[in-house]
Amino acid sequence: MLTPEATAAAGHARIIEAIRAIPRGQVLGYGEVAAKAGLPGRARLVARLLGANDDPALPWHRVLRSDGRIAMPEGSRGWREQSQRLRAEGVLVENGRVKRPKPPRSLDEAIWGPT
């Protein structure tokens, strides 16, 4: 049985792995990252982990709020840097928000499109 510390470290490693797997030019929400890491409902853990990140190679800029907004205060250094990094990857950022297509609500919609 794993200790709580080992369990937390494993969760953190899965979150980092999920963030590294986001392709260039694409974004995910904090909750989506948590779900991909096998930790559904742990969006705040993803945010906390990114807030404490000191790895310059981690593509942290590809993680946004669920509504596509940059989580940092508008106009802050981090907000400007995230906008700039996303734009450099070809992501359209308008007023600190990335417009993303809504996920399909059903398998039929995913295959055939909206009705």
N, C-alpha and C. Protein backbone atom coordinates (compact mmCIF):
# COMPACT_ATOMS: atom_id res chain seq x y z
N MET A 1 0.83 -1.18 0.00
CA MET A 1 0.00 0.00 0.00
C MET A 1 0.88 1.25 0.00
N LEU A 2 0.50 2.22 -0.83
CA LEU A 2 1.28 3.44 -0.94
C LEU A 2 0.98 4.40 0.21
N THR A 3 1.99 5.14 0.60
CA THR A 3 1.78 6.18 1.61
C THR A 3 1.05 7.35 0.96
N PRO A 4 0.41 8.20 1.75
CA PRO A 4 -0.24 9.38 1.16
C PRO A 4 0.72 10.25 0.35
N GLU A 5 1.96 10.34 0.81
CA GLU A 5 2.96 11.14 0.09
C GLU A 5 3.27 10.53 -1.27
N ALA A 6 3.40 9.21 -1.31
CA ALA A 6 3.69 8.52 -2.57
C ALA A 6 2.50 8.62 -3.52
N THR A 7 1.30 8.53 -2.97
CA THR A 7 0.10 8.67 -3.79
C THR A 7 0.02 10.08 -4.40
N ALA A 8 0.31 11.09 -3.58
CA ALA A 8 0.29 12.47 -4.07
C ALA A 8 1.36 12.68 -5.14
N ALA A 9 2.54 12.15 -4.92
CA ALA A 9 3.63 12.29 -5.90
C ALA A 9 3.25 11.62 -7.22
N ALA A 10 2.60 10.48 -7.14
CA ALA A 10 2.17 9.78 -8.36
C ALA A 10 1.12 10.61 -9.10
N GLY A 11 0.20 11.21 -8.35
CA GLY A 11 -0.81 12.07 -8.96
C GLY A 11 -0.18 13.28 -9.62
N HIS A 12 0.77 13.88 -8.96
CA HIS A 12 1.46 15.05 -9.52
C HIS A 12 2.19 14.66 -10.80
N ALA A 13 2.84 13.51 -10.79
CA ALA A 13 3.56 13.05 -11.98
C ALA A 13 2.60 12.83 -13.15
N ARG A 14 1.42 12.29 -12.87
CA ARG A 14 0.42 12.07 -13.94
C ARG A 14 -0.09 13.39 -14.48
N ILE A 15 -0.24 14.39 -13.62
CA ILE A 15 -0.68 15.72 -14.08
C ILE A 15 0.38 16.33 -14.98
N ILE A 16 1.63 16.28 -14.57
CA ILE A 16 2.73 16.82 -15.37
C ILE A 16 2.78 16.10 -16.72
N GLU A 17 2.62 14.80 -16.72
CA GLU A 17 2.62 14.01 -17.95
C GLU A 17 1.47 14.44 -18.87
N ALA A 18 0.29 14.67 -18.30
CA ALA A 18 -0.87 15.11 -19.09
C ALA A 18 -0.63 16.48 -19.70
N ILE A 19 0.00 17.37 -18.95
CA ILE A 19 0.29 18.71 -19.48
C ILE A 19 1.32 18.62 -20.61
N ARG A 20 2.34 17.81 -20.42
CA ARG A 20 3.37 17.64 -21.46
C ARG A 20 2.77 17.04 -22.73
N ALA A 21 1.69 16.29 -22.61
CA ALA A 21 1.07 15.63 -23.76
C ALA A 21 0.15 16.55 -24.57
N ILE A 22 -0.13 17.75 -24.09
CA ILE A 22 -0.98 18.68 -24.85
C ILE A 22 -0.19 19.11 -26.08
N PRO A 23 -0.72 18.84 -27.27
CA PRO A 23 0.02 19.20 -28.48
C PRO A 23 0.18 20.70 -28.66
N ARG A 24 1.24 21.07 -29.29
CA ARG A 24 1.52 22.47 -29.62
C ARG A 24 0.31 23.03 -30.38
N GLY A 25 -0.11 24.23 -30.01
CA GLY A 25 -1.23 24.87 -30.69
C GLY A 25 -2.59 24.46 -30.17
N GLN A 26 -2.63 23.63 -29.13
CA GLN A 26 -3.90 23.21 -28.53
C GLN A 26 -3.90 23.55 -27.05
N VAL A 27 -5.09 23.61 -26.48
CA VAL A 27 -5.23 23.93 -25.06
C VAL A 27 -6.21 22.96 -24.40
N LEU A 28 -6.10 22.87 -23.09
CA LEU A 28 -7.04 22.10 -22.27
C LEU A 28 -7.39 22.93 -21.05
N GLY A 29 -8.53 22.64 -20.46
CA GLY A 29 -8.91 23.25 -19.20
C GLY A 29 -8.27 22.51 -18.04
N TYR A 30 -8.22 23.15 -16.89
CA TYR A 30 -7.64 22.51 -15.70
C TYR A 30 -8.34 21.19 -15.40
N GLY A 31 -9.66 21.17 -15.50
CA GLY A 31 -10.42 19.95 -15.24
C GLY A 31 -10.14 18.86 -16.25
N GLU A 32 -9.93 19.24 -17.50
CA GLU A 32 -9.61 18.26 -18.54
C GLU A 32 -8.25 17.63 -18.27
N VAL A 33 -7.30 18.44 -17.84
CA VAL A 33 -5.98 17.91 -17.50
C VAL A 33 -6.10 16.92 -16.34
N ALA A 34 -6.87 17.29 -15.33
CA ALA A 34 -7.06 16.40 -14.18
C ALA A 34 -7.69 15.08 -14.63
N ALA A 35 -8.70 15.15 -15.49
CA ALA A 35 -9.36 13.93 -15.97
C ALA A 35 -8.39 13.06 -16.76
N LYS A 36 -7.58 13.67 -17.62
CA LYS A 36 -6.61 12.91 -18.41
C LYS A 36 -5.54 12.27 -17.51
N ALA A 37 -5.30 12.89 -16.36
CA ALA A 37 -4.33 12.34 -15.41
C ALA A 37 -4.95 11.27 -14.51
N GLY A 38 -6.24 11.00 -14.74
CA GLY A 38 -6.92 10.00 -13.91
C GLY A 38 -7.37 10.55 -12.57
N LEU A 39 -7.52 11.87 -12.50
CA LEU A 39 -7.92 12.54 -11.26
C LEU A 39 -9.12 13.44 -11.50
N PRO A 40 -10.24 12.89 -11.96
CA PRO A 40 -11.39 13.74 -12.26
C PRO A 40 -11.83 14.53 -11.04
N GLY A 41 -12.24 15.77 -11.28
CA GLY A 41 -12.68 16.62 -10.18
C GLY A 41 -11.56 17.30 -9.43
N ARG A 42 -10.34 17.16 -9.89
CA ARG A 42 -9.20 17.75 -9.17
C ARG A 42 -8.57 18.92 -9.93
N ALA A 43 -9.40 19.74 -10.57
CA ALA A 43 -8.91 20.89 -11.33
C ALA A 43 -8.08 21.83 -10.45
N ARG A 44 -8.50 22.01 -9.22
CA ARG A 44 -7.75 22.92 -8.32
C ARG A 44 -6.36 22.38 -8.01
N LEU A 45 -6.23 21.06 -7.97
CA LEU A 45 -4.91 20.46 -7.76
C LEU A 45 -4.01 20.80 -8.94
N VAL A 46 -4.55 20.73 -10.15
CA VAL A 46 -3.78 21.10 -11.34
C VAL A 46 -3.33 22.56 -11.24
N ALA A 47 -4.25 23.44 -10.86
CA ALA A 47 -3.93 24.86 -10.73
C ALA A 47 -2.84 25.08 -9.68
N ARG A 48 -2.97 24.39 -8.54
CA ARG A 48 -1.97 24.54 -7.48
C ARG A 48 -0.60 24.05 -7.94
N LEU A 49 -0.60 22.93 -8.63
CA LEU A 49 0.66 22.37 -9.12
C LEU A 49 1.32 23.32 -10.13
N LEU A 50 0.52 23.90 -11.02
CA LEU A 50 1.08 24.84 -11.99
C LEU A 50 1.56 26.12 -11.31
N GLY A 51 0.86 26.55 -10.28
CA GLY A 51 1.27 27.74 -9.54
C GLY A 51 2.62 27.58 -8.87
N ALA A 52 2.97 26.35 -8.53
CA ALA A 52 4.24 26.08 -7.87
C ALA A 52 5.30 25.58 -8.84
N ASN A 53 4.97 25.51 -10.12
CA ASN A 53 5.88 24.96 -11.12
C ASN A 53 7.11 25.86 -11.32
N ASP A 54 8.28 25.22 -11.41
CA ASP A 54 9.49 25.96 -11.71
C ASP A 54 10.25 25.34 -12.89
N ASP A 55 9.58 24.46 -13.64
CA ASP A 55 10.18 23.81 -14.80
C ASP A 55 9.88 24.65 -16.04
N PRO A 56 10.89 25.33 -16.60
CA PRO A 56 10.64 26.19 -17.76
C PRO A 56 10.23 25.42 -19.01
N ALA A 57 10.47 24.11 -19.06
CA ALA A 57 10.13 23.31 -20.23
C ALA A 57 8.67 22.83 -20.21
N LEU A 58 8.00 22.98 -19.08
CA LEU A 58 6.61 22.53 -18.98
C LEU A 58 5.71 23.50 -19.75
N PRO A 59 4.88 23.01 -20.69
CA PRO A 59 4.03 23.90 -21.47
C PRO A 59 2.79 24.35 -20.69
N TRP A 60 3.00 25.02 -19.59
CA TRP A 60 1.94 25.47 -18.68
C TRP A 60 0.96 26.38 -19.39
N HIS A 61 1.42 27.09 -20.40
CA HIS A 61 0.60 28.08 -21.09
C HIS A 61 -0.56 27.44 -21.86
N ARG A 62 -0.55 26.14 -22.04
CA ARG A 62 -1.61 25.43 -22.77
C ARG A 62 -2.78 25.04 -21.87
N VAL A 63 -2.74 25.44 -20.61
CA VAL A 63 -3.81 25.10 -19.66
C VAL A 63 -4.58 26.38 -19.31
N LEU A 64 -5.90 26.31 -19.51
CA LEU A 64 -6.77 27.47 -19.31
C LEU A 64 -7.93 27.11 -18.40
N ARG A 65 -8.73 28.10 -18.07
CA ARG A 65 -9.98 27.85 -17.35
C ARG A 65 -10.93 27.10 -18.28
N SER A 66 -11.97 26.52 -17.72
CA SER A 66 -12.90 25.73 -18.53
C SER A 66 -13.61 26.56 -19.59
N ASP A 67 -13.74 27.86 -19.37
CA ASP A 67 -14.39 28.72 -20.37
C ASP A 67 -13.41 29.31 -21.38
N GLY A 68 -12.15 28.84 -21.34
CA GLY A 68 -11.15 29.29 -22.29
C GLY A 68 -10.39 30.53 -21.89
N ARG A 69 -10.67 31.05 -20.69
CA ARG A 69 -9.97 32.27 -20.24
C ARG A 69 -8.64 31.93 -19.58
N ILE A 70 -7.72 32.87 -19.70
CA ILE A 70 -6.45 32.79 -18.98
C ILE A 70 -6.77 33.07 -17.52
N ALA A 71 -6.22 32.27 -16.63
CA ALA A 71 -6.58 32.34 -15.21
C ALA A 71 -5.91 33.48 -14.45
N MET A 72 -4.86 34.03 -15.01
CA MET A 72 -4.14 35.09 -14.30
C MET A 72 -4.84 36.44 -14.48
N PRO A 73 -4.59 37.39 -13.59
CA PRO A 73 -5.23 38.71 -13.71
C PRO A 73 -4.89 39.36 -15.06
N GLU A 74 -5.91 39.91 -15.69
CA GLU A 74 -5.73 40.54 -16.99
C GLU A 74 -4.68 41.64 -16.91
N GLY A 75 -3.78 41.61 -17.88
CA GLY A 75 -2.72 42.61 -17.95
C GLY A 75 -1.49 42.29 -17.13
N SER A 76 -1.55 41.26 -16.29
CA SER A 76 -0.38 40.90 -15.48
C SER A 76 0.72 40.34 -16.38
N ARG A 77 1.91 40.25 -15.85
CA ARG A 77 3.05 39.72 -16.61
C ARG A 77 2.76 38.30 -17.08
N GLY A 78 2.22 37.47 -16.19
CA GLY A 78 1.90 36.08 -16.54
C GLY A 78 0.82 36.00 -17.61
N TRP A 79 -0.19 36.87 -17.50
CA TRP A 79 -1.28 36.91 -18.48
C TRP A 79 -0.73 37.25 -19.86
N ARG A 80 0.14 38.26 -19.90
CA ARG A 80 0.74 38.67 -21.19
C ARG A 80 1.63 37.56 -21.75
N GLU A 81 2.40 36.92 -20.87
CA GLU A 81 3.29 35.85 -21.33
C GLU A 81 2.49 34.67 -21.87
N GLN A 82 1.42 34.29 -21.17
CA GLN A 82 0.61 33.16 -21.64
C GLN A 82 -0.04 33.49 -22.98
N SER A 83 -0.58 34.69 -23.12
CA SER A 83 -1.17 35.12 -24.39
C SER A 83 -0.13 35.05 -25.51
N GLN A 84 1.05 35.56 -25.23
CA GLN A 84 2.12 35.60 -26.22
C GLN A 84 2.55 34.19 -26.63
N ARG A 85 2.72 33.31 -25.66
CA ARG A 85 3.13 31.93 -25.96
C ARG A 85 2.08 31.20 -26.80
N LEU A 86 0.81 31.39 -26.43
CA LEU A 86 -0.26 30.75 -27.20
C LEU A 86 -0.30 31.28 -28.62
N ARG A 87 -0.21 32.57 -28.78
CA ARG A 87 -0.22 33.15 -30.12
C ARG A 87 0.96 32.66 -30.95
N ALA A 88 2.12 32.50 -30.32
CA ALA A 88 3.30 32.00 -31.02
C ALA A 88 3.08 30.58 -31.54
N GLU A 89 2.14 29.86 -30.93
CA GLU A 89 1.81 28.50 -31.37
C GLU A 89 0.63 28.49 -32.34
N GLY A 90 0.14 29.68 -32.69
CA GLY A 90 -0.95 29.75 -33.64
C GLY A 90 -2.34 29.72 -33.03
N VAL A 91 -2.42 29.84 -31.71
CA VAL A 91 -3.71 29.84 -31.02
C VAL A 91 -4.28 31.26 -31.04
N LEU A 92 -5.54 31.39 -31.42
CA LEU A 92 -6.19 32.69 -31.47
C LEU A 92 -6.63 33.07 -30.05
N VAL A 93 -6.04 34.14 -29.53
CA VAL A 93 -6.37 34.64 -28.19
C VAL A 93 -6.97 36.03 -28.36
N GLU A 94 -8.21 36.19 -27.91
CA GLU A 94 -8.87 37.50 -27.97
C GLU A 94 -9.32 37.89 -26.58
N ASN A 95 -8.81 39.02 -26.11
CA ASN A 95 -9.15 39.53 -24.78
C ASN A 95 -8.92 38.48 -23.69
N GLY A 96 -7.82 37.75 -23.80
CA GLY A 96 -7.47 36.77 -22.78
C GLY A 96 -8.30 35.50 -22.82
N ARG A 97 -8.95 35.24 -23.94
CA ARG A 97 -9.80 34.05 -24.05
C ARG A 97 -9.50 33.32 -25.36
N VAL A 98 -9.51 32.01 -25.27
CA VAL A 98 -9.37 31.16 -26.45
C VAL A 98 -10.73 30.54 -26.70
N LYS A 99 -11.24 30.75 -27.90
CA LYS A 99 -12.52 30.14 -28.25
C LYS A 99 -12.26 28.71 -28.69
N ARG A 100 -12.93 27.80 -28.03
CA ARG A 100 -12.77 26.39 -28.34
C ARG A 100 -14.11 25.83 -28.78
N PRO A 101 -14.08 24.88 -29.70
CA PRO A 101 -15.35 24.25 -30.08
C PRO A 101 -15.92 23.48 -28.90
N LYS A 102 -17.23 23.47 -28.79
CA LYS A 102 -17.86 22.71 -27.71
C LYS A 102 -17.75 21.22 -28.02
N PRO A 103 -17.47 20.41 -27.01
CA PRO A 103 -17.38 18.98 -27.26
C PRO A 103 -18.74 18.42 -27.64
N PRO A 104 -18.76 17.37 -28.45
CA PRO A 104 -20.04 16.77 -28.83
C PRO A 104 -20.76 16.22 -27.61
N ARG A 105 -22.10 16.31 -27.64
CA ARG A 105 -22.90 15.83 -26.52
C ARG A 105 -23.23 14.35 -26.63
N SER A 106 -23.04 13.78 -27.81
CA SER A 106 -23.35 12.36 -28.00
C SER A 106 -22.41 11.79 -29.06
N LEU A 107 -22.40 10.49 -29.16
CA LEU A 107 -21.59 9.83 -30.17
C LEU A 107 -22.07 10.18 -31.57
N ASP A 108 -23.40 10.24 -31.74
CA ASP A 108 -23.96 10.63 -33.04
C ASP A 108 -23.48 12.02 -33.45
N GLU A 109 -23.50 12.96 -32.50
CA GLU A 109 -23.06 14.31 -32.79
C GLU A 109 -21.57 14.33 -33.12
N ALA A 110 -20.80 13.50 -32.44
CA ALA A 110 -19.36 13.43 -32.71
C ALA A 110 -19.10 12.92 -34.12
N ILE A 111 -19.90 11.97 -34.57
CA ILE A 111 -19.68 11.37 -35.89
C ILE A 111 -20.33 12.20 -36.99
N TRP A 112 -21.57 12.61 -36.77
CA TRP A 112 -22.35 13.24 -37.83
C TRP A 112 -22.46 14.75 -37.71
N GLY A 113 -22.10 15.31 -36.59
CA GLY A 113 -22.21 16.75 -36.40
C GLY A 113 -23.51 17.11 -35.74
N PRO A 114 -23.74 18.39 -35.51
CA PRO A 114 -24.98 18.83 -34.87
C PRO A 114 -26.20 18.48 -35.73
N THR A 115 -27.30 18.24 -35.05
CA THR A 115 -28.53 17.90 -35.78
C THR A 115 -29.26 19.12 -36.24
